Amino acid sequence: MSTGARPPLRVGVLGTGRIGSMHAELLAQRVDGVALTAVYDADTDAANRVAERLGVSAAASPEEI
Protein backbone atom coordinates (compact mmCIF):
# COMPACT_ATOMS: atom_id res chain seq x y z
CA MET A 1 0.00 0.00 0.00
CA SER A 2 1.41 3.37 -1.03
CA THR A 3 1.26 6.21 1.47
CA GLY A 4 2.54 8.96 -0.87
CA ALA A 5 0.38 11.32 -2.84
CA ARG A 6 -0.13 10.58 -6.50
CA PRO A 7 1.49 12.91 -9.01
CA PRO A 8 -1.00 15.05 -10.93
CA LEU A 9 -2.49 13.75 -14.16
CA ARG A 10 -0.80 15.74 -16.93
CA VAL A 11 -3.20 16.85 -19.67
CA GLY A 12 -3.19 18.96 -22.80
CA VAL A 13 -6.04 20.69 -24.59
CA LEU A 14 -6.55 20.56 -28.35
CA GLY A 15 -8.36 23.66 -29.55
CA THR A 16 -8.22 27.04 -27.85
CA GLY A 17 -11.36 28.66 -29.15
CA ARG A 18 -14.04 29.84 -26.76
CA ILE A 19 -14.92 26.41 -25.34
CA GLY A 20 -11.39 24.99 -25.48
CA SER A 21 -9.93 27.93 -23.62
CA MET A 22 -12.64 27.59 -20.97
CA HIS A 23 -11.78 23.90 -20.55
CA ALA A 24 -8.07 24.70 -20.38
CA GLU A 25 -8.65 27.33 -17.69
CA LEU A 26 -10.78 24.98 -15.61
CA LEU A 27 -8.19 22.21 -15.88
CA ALA A 28 -5.36 24.58 -15.00
CA GLN A 29 -7.00 26.28 -12.06
CA ARG A 30 -9.90 24.33 -10.64
CA VAL A 31 -9.51 20.58 -11.09
CA ASP A 32 -7.65 18.90 -8.25
CA GLY A 33 -5.13 16.26 -9.28
CA VAL A 34 -4.70 17.65 -12.81
CA ALA A 35 -1.83 19.65 -14.27
CA LEU A 36 -2.43 21.37 -17.60
CA THR A 37 0.87 21.12 -19.45
CA ALA A 38 0.16 22.38 -22.98
CA VAL A 39 -2.43 23.65 -25.40
CA TYR A 40 -2.61 23.39 -29.18
CA ASP A 41 -4.61 25.16 -31.86
CA ALA A 42 -4.18 25.42 -35.62
CA ASP A 43 -4.35 29.17 -34.99
CA THR A 44 -0.95 29.54 -33.33
CA ASP A 45 -1.69 33.08 -32.14
CA ALA A 46 -4.76 31.82 -30.24
CA ALA A 47 -2.78 28.94 -28.73
CA ASN A 48 0.01 31.29 -27.68
CA ARG A 49 -2.41 33.71 -26.01
CA VAL A 50 -4.08 30.96 -23.97
CA ALA A 51 -0.76 29.31 -23.13
CA GLU A 52 0.71 32.59 -21.91
CA ARG A 53 -2.38 33.43 -19.84
CA LEU A 54 -2.31 30.01 -18.14
CA GLY A 55 1.46 29.62 -17.83
CA VAL A 56 1.76 26.51 -20.00
CA SER A 57 3.39 25.60 -23.30
CA ALA A 58 1.81 26.10 -26.72
CA ALA A 59 2.46 22.86 -28.62
CA ALA A 60 3.49 23.00 -32.27
CA SER A 61 1.30 20.02 -33.21
CA PRO A 62 -1.36 17.75 -31.72
CA GLU A 63 1.21 14.94 -31.68
CA GLU A 64 3.47 17.01 -29.44
CA ILE A 65 0.80 16.95 -26.75
PDB file of N, CA and C in Angstrom:
ATOM      1  N   MET A   1       0.842  -1.176   0.000  1.00  0.00           N
ATOM      2  CA  MET A   1       0.000   0.000   0.000  1.00  0.00           C
ATOM      3  C   MET A   1       0.889   1.241   0.000  1.00  0.00           C
ATOM      4  N   SER A   2       0.639   2.145  -0.904  1.00  0.00           N
ATOM      5  CA  SER A   2       1.409   3.374  -1.029  1.00  0.00           C
ATOM      6  C   SER A   2       0.833   4.440  -0.103  1.00  0.00           C
ATOM      7  N   THR A   3       1.728   5.139   0.579  1.00  0.00           N
ATOM      8  CA  THR A   3       1.264   6.209   1.467  1.00  0.00           C
ATOM      9  C   THR A   3       1.499   7.586   0.867  1.00  0.00           C
ATOM     10  N   GLY A   4       2.255   7.665  -0.252  1.00  0.00           N
ATOM     11  CA  GLY A   4       2.544   8.957  -0.875  1.00  0.00           C
ATOM     12  C   GLY A   4       1.401   9.441  -1.741  1.00  0.00           C
ATOM     13  N   ALA A   5       1.396  10.723  -1.970  1.00  0.00           N
ATOM     14  CA  ALA A   5       0.383  11.319  -2.842  1.00  0.00           C
ATOM     15  C   ALA A   5       0.711  10.991  -4.294  1.00  0.00           C
ATOM     16  N   ARG A   6      -0.308  10.838  -5.069  1.00  0.00           N
ATOM     17  CA  ARG A   6      -0.126  10.584  -6.499  1.00  0.00           C
ATOM     18  C   ARG A   6       0.309  11.863  -7.197  1.00  0.00           C
ATOM     19  N   PRO A   7       1.159  11.719  -8.217  1.00  0.00           N
ATOM     20  CA  PRO A   7       1.490  12.912  -9.009  1.00  0.00           C
ATOM     21  C   PRO A   7       0.258  13.336  -9.804  1.00  0.00           C
ATOM     22  N   PRO A   8       0.176  14.596 -10.173  1.00  0.00           N
ATOM     23  CA  PRO A   8      -1.002  15.048 -10.926  1.00  0.00           C
ATOM     24  C   PRO A   8      -1.063  14.398 -12.305  1.00  0.00           C
ATOM     25  N   LEU A   9      -2.270  14.225 -12.799  1.00  0.00           N
ATOM     26  CA  LEU A   9      -2.492  13.753 -14.158  1.00  0.00           C
ATOM     27  C   LEU A   9      -2.167  14.904 -15.100  1.00  0.00           C
ATOM     28  N   ARG A  10      -1.207  14.692 -15.985  1.00  0.00           N
ATOM     29  CA  ARG A  10      -0.801  15.739 -16.929  1.00  0.00           C
ATOM     30  C   ARG A  10      -1.698  15.675 -18.165  1.00  0.00           C
ATOM     31  N   VAL A  11      -2.290  16.802 -18.524  1.00  0.00           N
ATOM     32  CA  VAL A  11      -3.202  16.851 -19.665  1.00  0.00           C
ATOM     33  C   VAL A  11      -2.857  18.016 -20.581  1.00  0.00           C
ATOM     34  N   GLY A  12      -3.295  17.900 -21.819  1.00  0.00           N
ATOM     35  CA  GLY A  12      -3.190  18.965 -22.800  1.00  0.00           C
ATOM     36  C   GLY A  12      -4.550  19.185 -23.425  1.00  0.00           C
ATOM     37  N   VAL A  13      -4.760  20.355 -23.964  1.00  0.00           N
ATOM     38  CA  VAL A  13      -6.040  20.694 -24.592  1.00  0.00           C
ATOM     39  C   VAL A  13      -5.799  20.981 -26.067  1.00  0.00           C
ATOM     40  N   LEU A  14      -6.579  20.321 -26.904  1.00  0.00           N
ATOM     41  CA  LEU A  14      -6.549  20.560 -28.352  1.00  0.00           C
ATOM     42  C   LEU A  14      -7.692  21.494 -28.701  1.00  0.00           C
ATOM     43  N   GLY A  15      -7.349  22.664 -29.192  1.00  0.00           N
ATOM     44  CA  GLY A  15      -8.363  23.655 -29.550  1.00  0.00           C
ATOM     45  C   GLY A  15      -8.463  24.715 -28.471  1.00  0.00           C
ATOM     46  N   THR A  16      -8.185  25.957 -28.832  1.00  0.00           N
ATOM     47  CA  THR A  16      -8.220  27.037 -27.846  1.00  0.00           C
ATOM     48  C   THR A  16      -9.203  28.129 -28.232  1.00  0.00           C
ATOM     49  N   GLY A  17     -10.271  27.718 -28.889  1.00  0.00           N
ATOM     50  CA  GLY A  17     -11.360  28.657 -29.154  1.00  0.00           C
ATOM     51  C   GLY A  17     -12.092  28.946 -27.861  1.00  0.00           C
ATOM     52  N   ARG A  18     -13.285  29.442 -27.953  1.00  0.00           N
ATOM     53  CA  ARG A  18     -14.044  29.840 -26.759  1.00  0.00           C
ATOM     54  C   ARG A  18     -14.210  28.692 -25.768  1.00  0.00           C
ATOM     55  N   ILE A  19     -14.683  27.550 -26.234  1.00  0.00           N
ATOM     56  CA  ILE A  19     -14.921  26.410 -25.338  1.00  0.00           C
ATOM     57  C   ILE A  19     -13.603  25.775 -24.899  1.00  0.00           C
ATOM     58  N   GLY A  20     -12.681  25.595 -25.825  1.00  0.00           N
ATOM     59  CA  GLY A  20     -11.393  24.986 -25.485  1.00  0.00           C
ATOM     60  C   GLY A  20     -10.628  25.790 -24.456  1.00  0.00           C
ATOM     61  N   SER A  21     -10.640  27.107 -24.599  1.00  0.00           N
ATOM     62  CA  SER A  21      -9.926  27.932 -23.620  1.00  0.00           C
ATOM     63  C   SER A  21     -10.609  27.878 -22.259  1.00  0.00           C
ATOM     64  N   MET A  22     -11.928  27.754 -22.240  1.00  0.00           N
ATOM     65  CA  MET A  22     -12.640  27.593 -20.969  1.00  0.00           C
ATOM     66  C   MET A  22     -12.249  26.273 -20.305  1.00  0.00           C
ATOM     67  N   HIS A  23     -12.199  25.200 -21.092  1.00  0.00           N
ATOM     68  CA  HIS A  23     -11.782  23.900 -20.547  1.00  0.00           C
ATOM     69  C   HIS A  23     -10.348  23.973 -20.025  1.00  0.00           C
ATOM     70  N   ALA A  24      -9.467  24.593 -20.788  1.00  0.00           N
ATOM     71  CA  ALA A  24      -8.072  24.704 -20.377  1.00  0.00           C
ATOM     72  C   ALA A  24      -7.962  25.459 -19.058  1.00  0.00           C
ATOM     73  N   GLU A  25      -8.696  26.553 -18.929  1.00  0.00           N
ATOM     74  CA  GLU A  25      -8.652  27.334 -17.691  1.00  0.00           C
ATOM     75  C   GLU A  25      -9.157  26.520 -16.510  1.00  0.00           C
ATOM     76  N   LEU A  26     -10.255  25.811 -16.695  1.00  0.00           N
ATOM     77  CA  LEU A  26     -10.780  24.975 -15.609  1.00  0.00           C
ATOM     78  C   LEU A  26      -9.781  23.905 -15.205  1.00  0.00           C
ATOM     79  N   LEU A  27      -9.176  23.249 -16.189  1.00  0.00           N
ATOM     80  CA  LEU A  27      -8.190  22.214 -15.884  1.00  0.00           C
ATOM     81  C   LEU A  27      -6.975  22.795 -15.171  1.00  0.00           C
ATOM     82  N   ALA A  28      -6.550  23.965 -15.580  1.00  0.00           N
ATOM     83  CA  ALA A  28      -5.355  24.581 -15.004  1.00  0.00           C
ATOM     84  C   ALA A  28      -5.591  25.104 -13.593  1.00  0.00           C
ATOM     85  N   GLN A  29      -6.790  25.553 -13.311  1.00  0.00           N
ATOM     86  CA  GLN A  29      -6.996  26.283 -12.065  1.00  0.00           C
ATOM     87  C   GLN A  29      -7.980  25.668 -11.084  1.00  0.00           C
ATOM     88  N   ARG A  30      -8.825  24.752 -11.539  1.00  0.00           N
ATOM     89  CA  ARG A  30      -9.904  24.332 -10.639  1.00  0.00           C
ATOM     90  C   ARG A  30     -10.077  22.824 -10.478  1.00  0.00           C
ATOM     91  N   VAL A  31      -9.331  22.024 -11.189  1.00  0.00           N
ATOM     92  CA  VAL A  31      -9.509  20.576 -11.085  1.00  0.00           C
ATOM     93  C   VAL A  31      -8.348  19.995 -10.284  1.00  0.00           C
ATOM     94  N   ASP A  32      -8.664  19.506  -9.097  1.00  0.00           N
ATOM     95  CA  ASP A  32      -7.650  18.899  -8.251  1.00  0.00           C
ATOM     96  C   ASP A  32      -7.082  17.650  -8.907  1.00  0.00           C
ATOM     97  N   GLY A  33      -5.784  17.452  -8.766  1.00  0.00           N
ATOM     98  CA  GLY A  33      -5.133  16.262  -9.278  1.00  0.00           C
ATOM     99  C   GLY A  33      -4.799  16.323 -10.759  1.00  0.00           C
ATOM    100  N   VAL A  34      -4.987  17.486 -11.381  1.00  0.00           N
ATOM    101  CA  VAL A  34      -4.705  17.651 -12.810  1.00  0.00           C
ATOM    102  C   VAL A  34      -3.714  18.792 -12.993  1.00  0.00           C
ATOM    103  N   ALA A  35      -2.772  18.595 -13.907  1.00  0.00           N
ATOM    104  CA  ALA A  35      -1.827  19.652 -14.268  1.00  0.00           C
ATOM    105  C   ALA A  35      -1.916  19.871 -15.772  1.00  0.00           C
ATOM    106  N   LEU A  36      -2.412  21.022 -16.181  1.00  0.00           N
ATOM    107  CA  LEU A  36      -2.430  21.374 -17.598  1.00  0.00           C
ATOM    108  C   LEU A  36      -0.996  21.649 -18.015  1.00  0.00           C
ATOM    109  N   THR A  37      -0.530  20.959 -19.051  1.00  0.00           N
ATOM    110  CA  THR A  37       0.870  21.118 -19.451  1.00  0.00           C
ATOM    111  C   THR A  37       1.029  21.831 -20.782  1.00  0.00           C
ATOM    112  N   ALA A  38       0.026  21.751 -21.661  1.00  0.00           N
ATOM    113  CA  ALA A  38       0.163  22.376 -22.978  1.00  0.00           C
ATOM    114  C   ALA A  38      -1.200  22.535 -23.621  1.00  0.00           C
ATOM    115  N   VAL A  39      -1.248  23.470 -24.568  1.00  0.00           N
ATOM    116  CA  VAL A  39      -2.430  23.650 -25.404  1.00  0.00           C
ATOM    117  C   VAL A  39      -1.975  23.670 -26.857  1.00  0.00           C
ATOM    118  N   TYR A  40      -2.895  23.343 -27.743  1.00  0.00           N
ATOM    119  CA  TYR A  40      -2.610  23.389 -29.180  1.00  0.00           C
ATOM    120  C   TYR A  40      -3.822  23.942 -29.900  1.00  0.00           C
ATOM    121  N   ASP A  41      -3.566  24.719 -30.938  1.00  0.00           N
ATOM    122  CA  ASP A  41      -4.610  25.155 -31.856  1.00  0.00           C
ATOM    123  C   ASP A  41      -3.958  25.405 -33.212  1.00  0.00           C
ATOM    124  N   ALA A  42      -4.686  25.136 -34.279  1.00  0.00           N
ATOM    125  CA  ALA A  42      -4.179  25.415 -35.624  1.00  0.00           C
ATOM    126  C   ALA A  42      -3.889  26.908 -35.785  1.00  0.00           C
ATOM    127  N   ASP A  43      -4.613  27.731 -35.046  1.00  0.00           N
ATOM    128  CA  ASP A  43      -4.350  29.169 -34.990  1.00  0.00           C
ATOM    129  C   ASP A  43      -3.293  29.384 -33.900  1.00  0.00           C
ATOM    130  N   THR A  44      -2.034  29.473 -34.306  1.00  0.00           N
ATOM    131  CA  THR A  44      -0.946  29.541 -33.330  1.00  0.00           C
ATOM    132  C   THR A  44      -1.025  30.784 -32.437  1.00  0.00           C
ATOM    133  N   ASP A  45      -1.540  31.883 -32.964  1.00  0.00           N
ATOM    134  CA  ASP A  45      -1.691  33.076 -32.137  1.00  0.00           C
ATOM    135  C   ASP A  45      -2.666  32.816 -30.991  1.00  0.00           C
ATOM    136  N   ALA A  46      -3.776  32.147 -31.285  1.00  0.00           N
ATOM    137  CA  ALA A  46      -4.756  31.819 -30.244  1.00  0.00           C
ATOM    138  C   ALA A  46      -4.145  30.881 -29.211  1.00  0.00           C
ATOM    139  N   ALA A  47      -3.426  29.874 -29.658  1.00  0.00           N
ATOM    140  CA  ALA A  47      -2.777  28.936 -28.732  1.00  0.00           C
ATOM    141  C   ALA A  47      -1.767  29.663 -27.860  1.00  0.00           C
ATOM    142  N   ASN A  48      -0.991  30.537 -28.447  1.00  0.00           N
ATOM    143  CA  ASN A  48       0.014  31.285 -27.681  1.00  0.00           C
ATOM    144  C   ASN A  48      -0.627  32.190 -26.632  1.00  0.00           C
ATOM    145  N   ARG A  49      -1.732  32.835 -26.971  1.00  0.00           N
ATOM    146  CA  ARG A  49      -2.414  33.710 -26.009  1.00  0.00           C
ATOM    147  C   ARG A  49      -2.910  32.916 -24.799  1.00  0.00           C
ATOM    148  N   VAL A  50      -3.558  31.782 -25.067  1.00  0.00           N
ATOM    149  CA  VAL A  50      -4.080  30.958 -23.974  1.00  0.00           C
ATOM    150  C   VAL A  50      -2.931  30.372 -23.159  1.00  0.00           C
ATOM    151  N   ALA A  51      -1.906  29.887 -23.829  1.00  0.00           N
ATOM    152  CA  ALA A  51      -0.757  29.309 -23.128  1.00  0.00           C
ATOM    153  C   ALA A  51      -0.108  30.335 -22.214  1.00  0.00           C
ATOM    154  N   GLU A  52       0.074  31.546 -22.705  1.00  0.00           N
ATOM    155  CA  GLU A  52       0.705  32.593 -21.905  1.00  0.00           C
ATOM    156  C   GLU A  52      -0.155  32.949 -20.699  1.00  0.00           C
ATOM    157  N   ARG A  53      -1.455  33.068 -20.928  1.00  0.00           N
ATOM    158  CA  ARG A  53      -2.376  33.427 -19.842  1.00  0.00           C
ATOM    159  C   ARG A  53      -2.371  32.379 -18.734  1.00  0.00           C
ATOM    160  N   LEU A  54      -2.228  31.094 -19.121  1.00  0.00           N
ATOM    161  CA  LEU A  54      -2.305  30.011 -18.141  1.00  0.00           C
ATOM    162  C   LEU A  54      -0.936  29.509 -17.685  1.00  0.00           C
ATOM    163  N   GLY A  55       0.123  30.024 -18.256  1.00  0.00           N
ATOM    164  CA  GLY A  55       1.456  29.625 -17.834  1.00  0.00           C
ATOM    165  C   GLY A  55       1.856  28.226 -18.262  1.00  0.00           C
ATOM    166  N   VAL A  56       1.408  27.823 -19.463  1.00  0.00           N
ATOM    167  CA  VAL A  56       1.764  26.505 -20.000  1.00  0.00           C
ATOM    168  C   VAL A  56       2.392  26.677 -21.376  1.00  0.00           C
ATOM    169  N   SER A  57       2.784  25.577 -21.972  1.00  0.00           N
ATOM    170  CA  SER A  57       3.387  25.596 -23.305  1.00  0.00           C
ATOM    171  C   SER A  57       2.306  25.597 -24.381  1.00  0.00           C
ATOM    172  N   ALA A  58       2.639  26.207 -25.512  1.00  0.00           N
ATOM    173  CA  ALA A  58       1.814  26.095 -26.719  1.00  0.00           C
ATOM    174  C   ALA A  58       2.511  25.061 -27.597  1.00  0.00           C
ATOM    175  N   ALA A  59       1.877  23.931 -27.816  1.00  0.00           N
ATOM    176  CA  ALA A  59       2.456  22.863 -28.620  1.00  0.00           C
ATOM    177  C   ALA A  59       2.419  23.232 -30.094  1.00  0.00           C
ATOM    178  N   ALA A  60       3.399  22.732 -30.835  1.00  0.00           N
ATOM    179  CA  ALA A  60       3.490  23.003 -32.271  1.00  0.00           C
ATOM    180  C   ALA A  60       2.600  22.080 -33.089  1.00  0.00           C
ATOM    181  N   SER A  61       2.155  20.983 -32.501  1.00  0.00           N
ATOM    182  CA  SER A  61       1.298  20.023 -33.206  1.00  0.00           C
ATOM    183  C   SER A  61       0.496  19.225 -32.191  1.00  0.00           C
ATOM    184  N   PRO A  62      -0.597  18.611 -32.638  1.00  0.00           N
ATOM    185  CA  PRO A  62      -1.357  17.750 -31.723  1.00  0.00           C
ATOM    186  C   PRO A  62      -0.510  16.582 -31.214  1.00  0.00           C
ATOM    187  N   GLU A  63       0.366  16.079 -32.069  1.00  0.00           N
ATOM    188  CA  GLU A  63       1.211  14.943 -31.680  1.00  0.00           C
ATOM    189  C   GLU A  63       2.168  15.305 -30.543  1.00  0.00           C
ATOM    190  N   GLU A  64       2.559  16.562 -30.493  1.00  0.00           N
ATOM    191  CA  GLU A  64       3.465  17.010 -29.436  1.00  0.00           C
ATOM    192  C   GLU A  64       2.823  16.882 -28.062  1.00  0.00           C
ATOM    193  N   ILE A  65       1.519  17.082 -28.033  1.00  0.00           N
ATOM    194  CA  ILE A  65       0.801  16.948 -26.751  1.00  0.00           C
ATOM    195  C   ILE A  65       0.752  15.496 -26.355  1.00  0.00           C
TER     196      ILE A  65
END
